[in-house]
């Protein structure tokens, strides 16, 4: 069991997920949480990362650091997404091993599973089919991280767990016009339409692709929950078990904001994976469950968007 004085390094504390984890650690009274910005420590630099780990001798590491983005960014910056993520996770995981870190949480993504996977997706479906082409480089990098943790566990008996979340949303998300994920992109597009008094918006693809959403604080809770669990599984899916089409998410936001906006679709653009809902029964069996409904999480997220963007 970890204590409130356990020495923890949280990589990626400025991101959507990392900031939620950092907030949760502080709320729960952890007093030895170490963080570094990318300017203070380049996680792609093997020598600097290892020296940092040797100097501080952490007991727990949570790796929420990654180069992330939506379908456009994944497809355009393919080599960058693969190299940067491989470098970051290899340095963090291997430095953890070399400095005898007891417990590590590696955060992945549901995109590691095959494009046309049987639904809901079980952890055992990994590497059973081809990946979605638009985010294949990112997925391959994350799969490598999962397999690195898994094989450290097999060879050296380490306690490295890989949490695979569905699509995450929440405060501090990325709302960039081209590089964001689908849900923050919808929020920004609909909000801007309201501001500019537009009567319609155009979305990429057909709108039929289905996605599962989880509020960032629920994933943060899952990270802390599994820090205190010894599991036989290396990979554990973390999802809400609720899904809708992209079109229905857009209609949900429009209805919540009380406006009338017509939705058009640019079907020349990509849909990505047609459907990906996780089977989170392993996480549920250990006792973890999400607490936030989409309605509640959206209000918090939208208020944060209005305040900060």
C-alpha atoms as a PDB file:
ATOM      1  CA  UNK A   1       0.000   0.000   0.000  1.00  0.00           C
ATOM      2  CA  UNK A   2       1.230   3.463  -0.819  1.00  0.00           C
ATOM      3  CA  UNK A   3       1.108   6.143   1.861  1.00  0.00           C
ATOM      4  CA  UNK A   4       0.544   9.902   1.746  1.00  0.00           C
ATOM      5  CA  UNK A   5       4.346  10.321   1.972  1.00  0.00           C
ATOM      6  CA  UNK A   6       5.187   7.914  -0.856  1.00  0.00           C
ATOM      7  CA  UNK A   7       7.572   9.509  -3.346  1.00  0.00           C
ATOM      8  CA  UNK A   8       5.660   9.805  -6.629  1.00  0.00           C
ATOM      9  CA  UNK A   9       6.725  11.102 -10.038  1.00  0.00           C
ATOM     10  CA  UNK A  10       3.836  12.164 -12.254  1.00  0.00           C
ATOM     11  CA  UNK A  11       4.961  12.601 -15.867  1.00  0.00           C
ATOM     12  CA  UNK A  12       2.736  14.816 -17.994  1.00  0.00           C
ATOM     13  CA  UNK A  13       1.036  16.755 -15.187  1.00  0.00           C
ATOM     14  CA  UNK A  14       0.078  19.665 -17.467  1.00  0.00           C
ATOM     15  CA  UNK A  15      -2.022  17.590 -19.872  1.00  0.00           C
ATOM     16  CA  UNK A  16      -5.722  16.751 -19.748  1.00  0.00           C
ATOM     17  CA  UNK A  17      -5.257  13.477 -17.860  1.00  0.00           C
ATOM     18  CA  UNK A  18      -2.098  14.421 -15.972  1.00  0.00           C
ATOM     19  CA  UNK A  19      -3.640  17.583 -14.531  1.00  0.00           C
ATOM     20  CA  UNK A  20      -6.652  15.597 -13.312  1.00  0.00           C
ATOM     21  CA  UNK A  21      -4.341  13.053 -11.641  1.00  0.00           C
ATOM     22  CA  UNK A  22      -2.256  15.840 -10.077  1.00  0.00           C
ATOM     23  CA  UNK A  23      -5.410  17.487  -8.700  1.00  0.00           C
ATOM     24  CA  UNK A  24      -6.631  14.172  -7.287  1.00  0.00           C
ATOM     25  CA  UNK A  25      -3.294  13.384  -5.619  1.00  0.00           C
ATOM     26  CA  UNK A  26      -3.302  16.800  -3.924  1.00  0.00           C
ATOM     27  CA  UNK A  27      -6.939  16.437  -2.834  1.00  0.00           C
ATOM     28  CA  UNK A  28      -6.161  13.096  -1.225  1.00  0.00           C
ATOM     29  CA  UNK A  29      -3.229  14.528   0.721  1.00  0.00           C
ATOM     30  CA  UNK A  30      -0.185  13.127  -1.081  1.00  0.00           C
ATOM     31  CA  UNK A  31       2.720  15.380  -0.109  1.00  0.00           C
ATOM     32  CA  UNK A  32       5.635  13.932  -2.123  1.00  0.00           C
ATOM     33  CA  UNK A  33       4.424  14.381  -5.703  1.00  0.00           C
ATOM     34  CA  UNK A  34       7.177  15.386  -8.140  1.00  0.00           C
ATOM     35  CA  UNK A  35       6.446  16.995 -11.520  1.00  0.00           C
ATOM     36  CA  UNK A  36       8.465  18.504 -14.339  1.00  0.00           C
ATOM     37  CA  UNK A  37       7.370  20.568 -17.339  1.00  0.00           C
ATOM     38  CA  UNK A  38       8.723  19.626 -20.758  1.00  0.00           C
ATOM     39  CA  UNK A  39      11.039  22.651 -20.579  1.00  0.00           C
ATOM     40  CA  UNK A  40      12.418  21.512 -17.209  1.00  0.00           C
ATOM     41  CA  UNK A  41      12.895  17.904 -18.327  1.00  0.00           C
ATOM     42  CA  UNK A  42      12.723  16.612 -21.890  1.00  0.00           C
ATOM     43  CA  UNK A  43      11.378  13.097 -21.447  1.00  0.00           C
ATOM     44  CA  UNK A  44      12.732  12.206 -24.891  1.00  0.00           C
ATOM     45  CA  UNK A  45      16.279  12.651 -23.553  1.00  0.00           C
ATOM     46  CA  UNK A  46      17.350   9.278 -22.171  1.00  0.00           C
ATOM     47  CA  UNK A  47      20.379  10.522 -20.223  1.00  0.00           C
ATOM     48  CA  UNK A  48      18.563  13.391 -18.515  1.00  0.00           C
ATOM     49  CA  UNK A  49      15.574  11.226 -17.570  1.00  0.00           C
ATOM     50  CA  UNK A  50      17.754   8.511 -16.054  1.00  0.00           C
ATOM     51  CA  UNK A  51      19.795  11.062 -14.092  1.00  0.00           C
ATOM     52  CA  UNK A  52      16.587  12.607 -12.770  1.00  0.00           C
ATOM     53  CA  UNK A  53      15.339   9.186 -11.623  1.00  0.00           C
ATOM     54  CA  UNK A  54      18.691   8.267 -10.033  1.00  0.00           C
ATOM     55  CA  UNK A  55      18.751  11.540  -8.115  1.00  0.00           C
ATOM     56  CA  UNK A  56      15.227  11.252  -6.712  1.00  0.00           C
ATOM     57  CA  UNK A  57      14.715   7.498  -6.175  1.00  0.00           C
ATOM     58  CA  UNK A  58      10.945   7.395  -6.697  1.00  0.00           C
ATOM     59  CA  UNK A  59       8.733   4.646  -5.289  1.00  0.00           C
ATOM     60  CA  UNK A  60       5.821   5.216  -7.689  1.00  0.00           C
ATOM     61  CA  UNK A  61       5.703   6.522 -11.258  1.00  0.00           C
ATOM     62  CA  UNK A  62       2.581   7.508 -13.207  1.00  0.00           C
ATOM     63  CA  UNK A  63       3.233   8.102 -16.896  1.00  0.00           C
ATOM     64  CA  UNK A  64       0.543  10.398 -18.297  1.00  0.00           C
ATOM     65  CA  UNK A  65       3.028  12.056 -20.666  1.00  0.00           C
ATOM     66  CA  UNK A  66       2.403  11.568 -24.377  1.00  0.00           C
ATOM     67  CA  UNK A  67       2.128  13.350 -27.698  1.00  0.00           C
ATOM     68  CA  UNK A  68      -1.607  13.219 -28.402  1.00  0.00           C
ATOM     69  CA  UNK A  69      -4.147  14.604 -30.848  1.00  0.00           C
ATOM     70  CA  UNK A  70      -7.221  13.884 -32.920  1.00  0.00           C
ATOM     71  CA  UNK A  71      -7.634  12.170 -36.249  1.00  0.00           C
ATOM     72  CA  UNK A  72      -6.082  15.042 -38.259  1.00  0.00           C
ATOM     73  CA  UNK A  73      -2.948  15.342 -36.093  1.00  0.00           C
ATOM     74  CA  UNK A  74      -2.465  11.566 -35.843  1.00  0.00           C
ATOM     75  CA  UNK A  75      -2.691  11.164 -39.598  1.00  0.00           C
ATOM     76  CA  UNK A  76      -0.530  14.197 -40.509  1.00  0.00           C
ATOM     77  CA  UNK A  77       2.277  13.883 -37.949  1.00  0.00           C
ATOM     78  CA  UNK A  78       2.620  10.110 -38.114  1.00  0.00           C
ATOM     79  CA  UNK A  79       6.397   9.833 -37.624  1.00  0.00           C
ATOM     80  CA  UNK A  80       6.386  12.444 -34.832  1.00  0.00           C
ATOM     81  CA  UNK A  81       3.620  10.656 -32.956  1.00  0.00           C
ATOM     82  CA  UNK A  82       5.443   7.350 -33.168  1.00  0.00           C
ATOM     83  CA  UNK A  83       8.976   8.536 -32.340  1.00  0.00           C
ATOM     84  CA  UNK A  84       8.032  10.960 -29.562  1.00  0.00           C
ATOM     85  CA  UNK A  85       5.791   8.489 -27.765  1.00  0.00           C
ATOM     86  CA  UNK A  86       8.260   5.624 -28.063  1.00  0.00           C
ATOM     87  CA  UNK A  87      11.019   7.847 -26.694  1.00  0.00           C
ATOM     88  CA  UNK A  88       8.994   9.226 -23.782  1.00  0.00           C
ATOM     89  CA  UNK A  89       7.615   5.911 -22.574  1.00  0.00           C
ATOM     90  CA  UNK A  90      10.830   3.920 -23.092  1.00  0.00           C
ATOM     91  CA  UNK A  91      12.811   6.434 -21.043  1.00  0.00           C
ATOM     92  CA  UNK A  92      10.250   6.617 -18.238  1.00  0.00           C
ATOM     93  CA  UNK A  93       9.651   2.866 -18.008  1.00  0.00           C
ATOM     94  CA  UNK A  94      13.295   1.806 -18.330  1.00  0.00           C
ATOM     95  CA  UNK A  95      14.521   4.473 -15.890  1.00  0.00           C
ATOM     96  CA  UNK A  96      11.861   3.247 -13.459  1.00  0.00           C
ATOM     97  CA  UNK A  97      13.204  -0.284 -13.775  1.00  0.00           C
ATOM     98  CA  UNK A  98      16.860   0.733 -13.415  1.00  0.00           C
ATOM     99  CA  UNK A  99      16.133   2.750 -10.259  1.00  0.00           C
ATOM    100  CA  UNK A 100      13.954   0.032  -8.708  1.00  0.00           C
ATOM    101  CA  UNK A 101      10.627   1.871  -8.825  1.00  0.00           C
ATOM    102  CA  UNK A 102       8.148  -0.404  -7.059  1.00  0.00           C
ATOM    103  CA  UNK A 103       4.937   0.562  -8.836  1.00  0.00           C
ATOM    104  CA  UNK A 104       4.281   2.084 -12.253  1.00  0.00           C
ATOM    105  CA  UNK A 105       1.094   3.099 -14.069  1.00  0.00           C
ATOM    106  CA  UNK A 106       1.369   3.459 -17.846  1.00  0.00           C
ATOM    107  CA  UNK A 107      -1.555   5.177 -19.557  1.00  0.00           C
ATOM    108  CA  UNK A 108      -2.432   4.007 -23.037  1.00  0.00           C
ATOM    109  CA  UNK A 109      -5.464   4.364 -25.284  1.00  0.00           C
ATOM    110  CA  UNK A 110      -8.281   2.266 -26.683  1.00  0.00           C
ATOM    111  CA  UNK A 111      -6.815   2.872 -30.159  1.00  0.00           C
ATOM    112  CA  UNK A 112      -4.309   0.079 -29.452  1.00  0.00           C
ATOM    113  CA  UNK A 113      -7.022  -2.431 -30.340  1.00  0.00           C
ATOM    114  CA  UNK A 114      -7.762  -3.625 -33.914  1.00  0.00           C
ATOM    115  CA  UNK A 115      -9.914  -1.364 -36.089  1.00  0.00           C
ATOM    116  CA  UNK A 116     -12.647  -3.933 -36.658  1.00  0.00           C
ATOM    117  CA  UNK A 117     -12.457  -5.471 -33.207  1.00  0.00           C
ATOM    118  CA  UNK A 118     -15.329  -7.436 -31.710  1.00  0.00           C
ATOM    119  CA  UNK A 119     -17.335  -5.174 -29.374  1.00  0.00           C
ATOM    120  CA  UNK A 120     -17.208  -4.454 -26.458  1.00  0.00           C
ATOM    121  CA  UNK A 121     -13.416  -4.744 -26.610  1.00  0.00           C
ATOM    122  CA  UNK A 122     -11.706  -7.073 -24.149  1.00  0.00           C
ATOM    123  CA  UNK A 123      -8.046  -6.748 -23.186  1.00  0.00           C
ATOM    124  CA  UNK A 124      -7.340 -10.120 -24.802  1.00  0.00           C
ATOM    125  CA  UNK A 125      -8.256  -8.739 -28.259  1.00  0.00           C
ATOM    126  CA  UNK A 126      -4.964  -6.844 -28.467  1.00  0.00           C
ATOM    127  CA  UNK A 127      -2.943  -7.777 -31.594  1.00  0.00           C
ATOM    128  CA  UNK A 128      -5.734  -9.877 -33.112  1.00  0.00           C
ATOM    129  CA  UNK A 129      -6.186  -7.737 -36.232  1.00  0.00           C
ATOM    130  CA  UNK A 130      -5.065  -4.686 -38.246  1.00  0.00           C
ATOM    131  CA  UNK A 131      -5.107  -1.243 -36.640  1.00  0.00           C
ATOM    132  CA  UNK A 132      -6.978   1.863 -37.813  1.00  0.00           C
ATOM    133  CA  UNK A 133      -4.652   3.460 -40.391  1.00  0.00           C
ATOM    134  CA  UNK A 134      -5.177   7.081 -39.305  1.00  0.00           C
ATOM    135  CA  UNK A 135      -3.695   6.513 -35.840  1.00  0.00           C
ATOM    136  CA  UNK A 136      -1.589   3.409 -36.468  1.00  0.00           C
ATOM    137  CA  UNK A 137       1.788   5.014 -35.519  1.00  0.00           C
ATOM    138  CA  UNK A 138       0.450   6.282 -32.178  1.00  0.00           C
ATOM    139  CA  UNK A 139      -1.225   2.931 -31.494  1.00  0.00           C
ATOM    140  CA  UNK A 140       1.960   0.982 -32.287  1.00  0.00           C
ATOM    141  CA  UNK A 141       3.926   3.179 -29.885  1.00  0.00           C
ATOM    142  CA  UNK A 142       1.397   2.575 -27.117  1.00  0.00           C
ATOM    143  CA  UNK A 143       1.328  -1.165 -27.820  1.00  0.00           C
ATOM    144  CA  UNK A 144       5.121  -1.187 -27.468  1.00  0.00           C
ATOM    145  CA  UNK A 145       4.747   0.504 -24.062  1.00  0.00           C
ATOM    146  CA  UNK A 146       2.191  -2.074 -22.956  1.00  0.00           C
ATOM    147  CA  UNK A 147       4.386  -4.958 -24.071  1.00  0.00           C
ATOM    148  CA  UNK A 148       7.451  -3.438 -22.424  1.00  0.00           C
ATOM    149  CA  UNK A 149       5.613  -3.255 -19.092  1.00  0.00           C
ATOM    150  CA  UNK A 150       4.181  -6.737 -19.556  1.00  0.00           C
ATOM    151  CA  UNK A 151       7.570  -8.277 -20.228  1.00  0.00           C
ATOM    152  CA  UNK A 152       9.245  -6.488 -17.318  1.00  0.00           C
ATOM    153  CA  UNK A 153       6.533  -8.050 -15.160  1.00  0.00           C
ATOM    154  CA  UNK A 154       7.161 -11.488 -16.651  1.00  0.00           C
ATOM    155  CA  UNK A 155      10.961 -11.372 -16.552  1.00  0.00           C
ATOM    156  CA  UNK A 156      11.592  -9.350 -13.400  1.00  0.00           C
ATOM    157  CA  UNK A 157       8.376  -9.580 -11.370  1.00  0.00           C
ATOM    158  CA  UNK A 158       7.726  -5.821 -11.450  1.00  0.00           C
ATOM    159  CA  UNK A 159       4.336  -4.298 -10.644  1.00  0.00           C
ATOM    160  CA  UNK A 160       3.791  -2.270 -13.824  1.00  0.00           C
ATOM    161  CA  UNK A 161       0.160  -1.775 -14.856  1.00  0.00           C
ATOM    162  CA  UNK A 162      -1.202  -0.382 -18.122  1.00  0.00           C
ATOM    163  CA  UNK A 163      -4.560   1.367 -17.974  1.00  0.00           C
ATOM    164  CA  UNK A 164      -6.315   1.627 -21.343  1.00  0.00           C
ATOM    165  CA  UNK A 165      -8.934   4.398 -21.259  1.00  0.00           C
ATOM    166  CA  UNK A 166     -11.577   5.215 -23.831  1.00  0.00           C
ATOM    167  CA  UNK A 167     -11.854   8.811 -25.136  1.00  0.00           C
ATOM    168  CA  UNK A 168     -11.225  11.244 -22.278  1.00  0.00           C
ATOM    169  CA  UNK A 169     -12.667  14.737 -21.882  1.00  0.00           C
ATOM    170  CA  UNK A 170     -12.554  17.331 -19.102  1.00  0.00           C
ATOM    171  CA  UNK A 171     -11.030  20.607 -17.864  1.00  0.00           C
ATOM    172  CA  UNK A 172      -7.797  21.645 -19.546  1.00  0.00           C
ATOM    173  CA  UNK A 173      -8.536  19.837 -22.802  1.00  0.00           C
ATOM    174  CA  UNK A 174      -7.003  20.786 -26.162  1.00  0.00           C
ATOM    175  CA  UNK A 175      -9.431  22.761 -28.358  1.00  0.00           C
ATOM    176  CA  UNK A 176      -7.104  23.354 -31.302  1.00  0.00           C
ATOM    177  CA  UNK A 177      -9.030  23.597 -34.581  1.00  0.00           C
ATOM    178  CA  UNK A 178      -7.121  20.744 -36.232  1.00  0.00           C
ATOM    179  CA  UNK A 179      -5.226  18.874 -33.497  1.00  0.00           C
ATOM    180  CA  UNK A 180      -7.941  18.239 -30.890  1.00  0.00           C
ATOM    181  CA  UNK A 181      -9.958  15.091 -30.197  1.00  0.00           C
ATOM    182  CA  UNK A 182     -13.538  14.860 -31.408  1.00  0.00           C
ATOM    183  CA  UNK A 183     -15.414  15.965 -28.256  1.00  0.00           C
ATOM    184  CA  UNK A 184     -13.469  19.170 -27.500  1.00  0.00           C
ATOM    185  CA  UNK A 185     -13.573  19.884 -31.250  1.00  0.00           C
ATOM    186  CA  UNK A 186     -17.382  19.647 -31.111  1.00  0.00           C
ATOM    187  CA  UNK A 187     -17.535  21.941 -28.067  1.00  0.00           C
ATOM    188  CA  UNK A 188     -15.355  24.573 -29.745  1.00  0.00           C
ATOM    189  CA  UNK A 189     -17.170  24.369 -33.087  1.00  0.00           C
ATOM    190  CA  UNK A 190     -20.639  24.670 -31.551  1.00  0.00           C
ATOM    191  CA  UNK A 191     -19.594  27.439 -29.152  1.00  0.00           C
ATOM    192  CA  UNK A 192     -18.033  29.435 -31.984  1.00  0.00           C
ATOM    193  CA  UNK A 193     -21.176  28.973 -34.076  1.00  0.00           C
ATOM    194  CA  UNK A 194     -23.216  30.445 -31.204  1.00  0.00           C
ATOM    195  CA  UNK A 195     -20.834  33.399 -30.818  1.00  0.00           C
ATOM    196  CA  UNK A 196     -20.899  34.108 -34.563  1.00  0.00           C
ATOM    197  CA  UNK A 197     -24.670  33.502 -34.722  1.00  0.00           C
ATOM    198  CA  UNK A 198     -24.356  30.756 -37.302  1.00  0.00           C
ATOM    199  CA  UNK A 199     -27.337  28.494 -37.935  1.00  0.00           C
ATOM    200  CA  UNK A 200     -25.328  25.431 -38.997  1.00  0.00           C
ATOM    201  CA  UNK A 201     -22.022  23.624 -38.511  1.00  0.00           C
ATOM    202  CA  UNK A 202     -20.150  21.122 -40.679  1.00  0.00           C
ATOM    203  CA  UNK A 203     -18.544  18.073 -39.085  1.00  0.00           C
ATOM    204  CA  UNK A 204     -15.894  15.749 -40.475  1.00  0.00           C
ATOM    205  CA  UNK A 205     -17.020  12.355 -41.734  1.00  0.00           C
ATOM    206  CA  UNK A 206     -20.474  10.818 -41.645  1.00  0.00           C
ATOM    207  CA  UNK A 207     -21.171  11.366 -37.930  1.00  0.00           C
ATOM    208  CA  UNK A 208     -21.970   7.667 -37.587  1.00  0.00           C
ATOM    209  CA  UNK A 209     -18.720   6.588 -35.880  1.00  0.00           C
ATOM    210  CA  UNK A 210     -19.452   5.609 -32.277  1.00  0.00           C
ATOM    211  CA  UNK A 211     -17.312   6.669 -29.340  1.00  0.00           C
ATOM    212  CA  UNK A 212     -17.205   6.014 -25.592  1.00  0.00           C
ATOM    213  CA  UNK A 213     -16.420   8.987 -23.330  1.00  0.00           C
ATOM    214  CA  UNK A 214     -15.011   9.109 -19.800  1.00  0.00           C
ATOM    215  CA  UNK A 215     -14.553  12.211 -17.642  1.00  0.00           C
ATOM    216  CA  UNK A 216     -10.901  12.941 -16.809  1.00  0.00           C
ATOM    217  CA  UNK A 217     -11.469  12.822 -13.029  1.00  0.00           C
ATOM    218  CA  UNK A 218     -12.848   9.295 -13.350  1.00  0.00           C
ATOM    219  CA  UNK A 219      -9.626   8.197 -15.043  1.00  0.00           C
ATOM    220  CA  UNK A 220      -7.629   9.991 -12.341  1.00  0.00           C
ATOM    221  CA  UNK A 221      -9.557   8.055  -9.691  1.00  0.00           C
ATOM    222  CA  UNK A 222      -8.830   4.832 -11.572  1.00  0.00           C
ATOM    223  CA  UNK A 223      -5.089   5.584 -11.510  1.00  0.00           C
ATOM    224  CA  UNK A 224      -5.086   6.095  -7.743  1.00  0.00           C
ATOM    225  CA  UNK A 225      -7.355   3.101  -7.239  1.00  0.00           C
ATOM    226  CA  UNK A 226      -5.007   0.725  -9.086  1.00  0.00           C
ATOM    227  CA  UNK A 227      -1.903   2.113  -7.384  1.00  0.00           C
ATOM    228  CA  UNK A 228      -3.161   0.291  -4.317  1.00  0.00           C
ATOM    229  CA  UNK A 229      -4.030  -2.941  -6.118  1.00  0.00           C
ATOM    230  CA  UNK A 230      -1.846  -5.909  -6.950  1.00  0.00           C
ATOM    231  CA  UNK A 231      -3.342  -7.286 -10.145  1.00  0.00           C
ATOM    232  CA  UNK A 232      -2.503 -10.361 -12.158  1.00  0.00           C
ATOM    233  CA  UNK A 233      -3.412  -8.449 -15.338  1.00  0.00           C
ATOM    234  CA  UNK A 234      -0.964  -6.005 -16.905  1.00  0.00           C
ATOM    235  CA  UNK A 235      -3.599  -4.371 -19.171  1.00  0.00           C
ATOM    236  CA  UNK A 236      -6.861  -3.075 -17.694  1.00  0.00           C
ATOM    237  CA  UNK A 237      -9.524  -1.270 -19.710  1.00  0.00           C
ATOM    238  CA  UNK A 238     -10.987   1.877 -18.150  1.00  0.00           C
ATOM    239  CA  UNK A 239     -14.278   3.010 -19.688  1.00  0.00           C
ATOM    240  CA  UNK A 240     -17.727   4.396 -18.909  1.00  0.00           C
ATOM    241  CA  UNK A 241     -19.527   1.614 -20.830  1.00  0.00           C
ATOM    242  CA  UNK A 242     -21.691   4.299 -22.505  1.00  0.00           C
ATOM    243  CA  UNK A 243     -21.358   5.191 -26.171  1.00  0.00           C
ATOM    244  CA  UNK A 244     -23.017   7.396 -28.783  1.00  0.00           C
ATOM    245  CA  UNK A 245     -22.379   8.377 -32.387  1.00  0.00           C
ATOM    246  CA  UNK A 246     -20.450  11.578 -33.100  1.00  0.00           C
ATOM    247  CA  UNK A 247     -23.681  13.052 -34.465  1.00  0.00           C
ATOM    248  CA  UNK A 248     -25.523  12.304 -31.210  1.00  0.00           C
ATOM    249  CA  UNK A 249     -22.707  13.879 -29.163  1.00  0.00           C
ATOM    250  CA  UNK A 250     -23.062  17.032 -31.280  1.00  0.00           C
ATOM    251  CA  UNK A 251     -26.836  17.048 -30.721  1.00  0.00           C
ATOM    252  CA  UNK A 252     -26.265  16.484 -26.992  1.00  0.00           C
ATOM    253  CA  UNK A 253     -24.052  19.599 -26.765  1.00  0.00           C
ATOM    254  CA  UNK A 254     -26.482  21.683 -28.845  1.00  0.00           C
ATOM    255  CA  UNK A 255     -29.379  20.644 -26.612  1.00  0.00           C
ATOM    256  CA  UNK A 256     -27.424  21.284 -23.395  1.00  0.00           C
ATOM    257  CA  UNK A 257     -26.591  24.808 -24.610  1.00  0.00           C
ATOM    258  CA  UNK A 258     -30.223  25.433 -25.561  1.00  0.00           C
ATOM    259  CA  UNK A 259     -29.659  26.490 -29.167  1.00  0.00           C
ATOM    260  CA  UNK A 260     -30.861  25.461 -32.602  1.00  0.00           C
ATOM    261  CA  UNK A 261     -28.039  24.602 -34.974  1.00  0.00           C
ATOM    262  CA  UNK A 262     -28.240  22.372 -38.035  1.00  0.00           C
ATOM    263  CA  UNK A 263     -25.541  19.718 -38.420  1.00  0.00           C
ATOM    264  CA  UNK A 264     -24.019  19.051 -41.843  1.00  0.00           C
ATOM    265  CA  UNK A 265     -21.392  16.425 -42.648  1.00  0.00           C
ATOM    266  CA  UNK A 266     -18.342  16.541 -44.891  1.00  0.00           C
ATOM    267  CA  UNK A 267     -18.191  12.900 -45.893  1.00  0.00           C
ATOM    268  CA  UNK A 268     -14.966  13.427 -47.855  1.00  0.00           C
ATOM    269  CA  UNK A 269     -13.141  13.383 -44.533  1.00  0.00           C
ATOM    270  CA  UNK A 270     -12.304  10.370 -42.393  1.00  0.00           C
ATOM    271  CA  UNK A 271     -14.457   8.717 -39.742  1.00  0.00           C
ATOM    272  CA  UNK A 272     -11.636   6.728 -38.171  1.00  0.00           C
ATOM    273  CA  UNK A 273     -12.508   3.529 -36.335  1.00  0.00           C
ATOM    274  CA  UNK A 274     -16.254   2.858 -36.825  1.00  0.00           C
ATOM    275  CA  UNK A 275     -16.846   1.788 -33.225  1.00  0.00           C
ATOM    276  CA  UNK A 276     -14.775   1.243 -30.085  1.00  0.00           C
ATOM    277  CA  UNK A 277     -16.437   0.604 -26.754  1.00  0.00           C
ATOM    278  CA  UNK A 278     -14.356  -1.068 -24.077  1.00  0.00           C
ATOM    279  CA  UNK A 279     -15.286  -4.057 -21.984  1.00  0.00           C
ATOM    280  CA  UNK A 280     -14.289  -2.735 -18.547  1.00  0.00           C
ATOM    281  CA  UNK A 281     -15.383  -5.788 -16.586  1.00  0.00           C
ATOM    282  CA  UNK A 282     -11.857  -6.441 -15.239  1.00  0.00           C
ATOM    283  CA  UNK A 283     -11.704  -2.958 -13.675  1.00  0.00           C
ATOM    284  CA  UNK A 284     -15.260  -3.380 -12.348  1.00  0.00           C
ATOM    285  CA  UNK A 285     -14.324  -6.741 -10.827  1.00  0.00           C
ATOM    286  CA  UNK A 286     -11.581  -5.075  -8.780  1.00  0.00           C
ATOM    287  CA  UNK A 287     -14.112  -2.498  -7.581  1.00  0.00           C
ATOM    288  CA  UNK A 288     -13.509   0.586  -9.750  1.00  0.00           C
ATOM    289  CA  UNK A 289     -16.507   2.373 -11.290  1.00  0.00           C
ATOM    290  CA  UNK A 290     -16.909   5.816 -12.885  1.00  0.00           C
ATOM    291  CA  UNK A 291     -18.794   8.467 -10.901  1.00  0.00           C
ATOM    292  CA  UNK A 292     -19.508  11.185 -13.455  1.00  0.00           C
ATOM    293  CA  UNK A 293     -22.391  11.148 -15.934  1.00  0.00           C
ATOM    294  CA  UNK A 294     -21.840  12.798 -19.313  1.00  0.00           C
ATOM    295  CA  UNK A 295     -24.287  15.559 -18.328  1.00  0.00           C
ATOM    296  CA  UNK A 296     -22.371  16.375 -15.132  1.00  0.00           C
ATOM    297  CA  UNK A 297     -18.943  16.099 -16.729  1.00  0.00           C
ATOM    298  CA  UNK A 298     -19.977  18.271 -19.675  1.00  0.00           C
ATOM    299  CA  UNK A 299     -21.123  21.159 -17.452  1.00  0.00           C
ATOM    300  CA  UNK A 300     -17.753  21.185 -15.638  1.00  0.00           C
ATOM    301  CA  UNK A 301     -15.861  20.927 -18.925  1.00  0.00           C
ATOM    302  CA  UNK A 302     -17.835  23.639 -20.712  1.00  0.00           C
ATOM    303  CA  UNK A 303     -17.520  26.053 -17.778  1.00  0.00           C
ATOM    304  CA  UNK A 304     -13.759  25.476 -17.831  1.00  0.00           C
ATOM    305  CA  UNK A 305     -13.733  26.106 -21.597  1.00  0.00           C
ATOM    306  CA  UNK A 306     -15.602  29.403 -21.186  1.00  0.00           C
ATOM    307  CA  UNK A 307     -13.301  30.484 -18.353  1.00  0.00           C
ATOM    308  CA  UNK A 308      -9.977  29.610 -19.955  1.00  0.00           C
ATOM    309  CA  UNK A 309     -10.415  29.557 -23.731  1.00  0.00           C
END
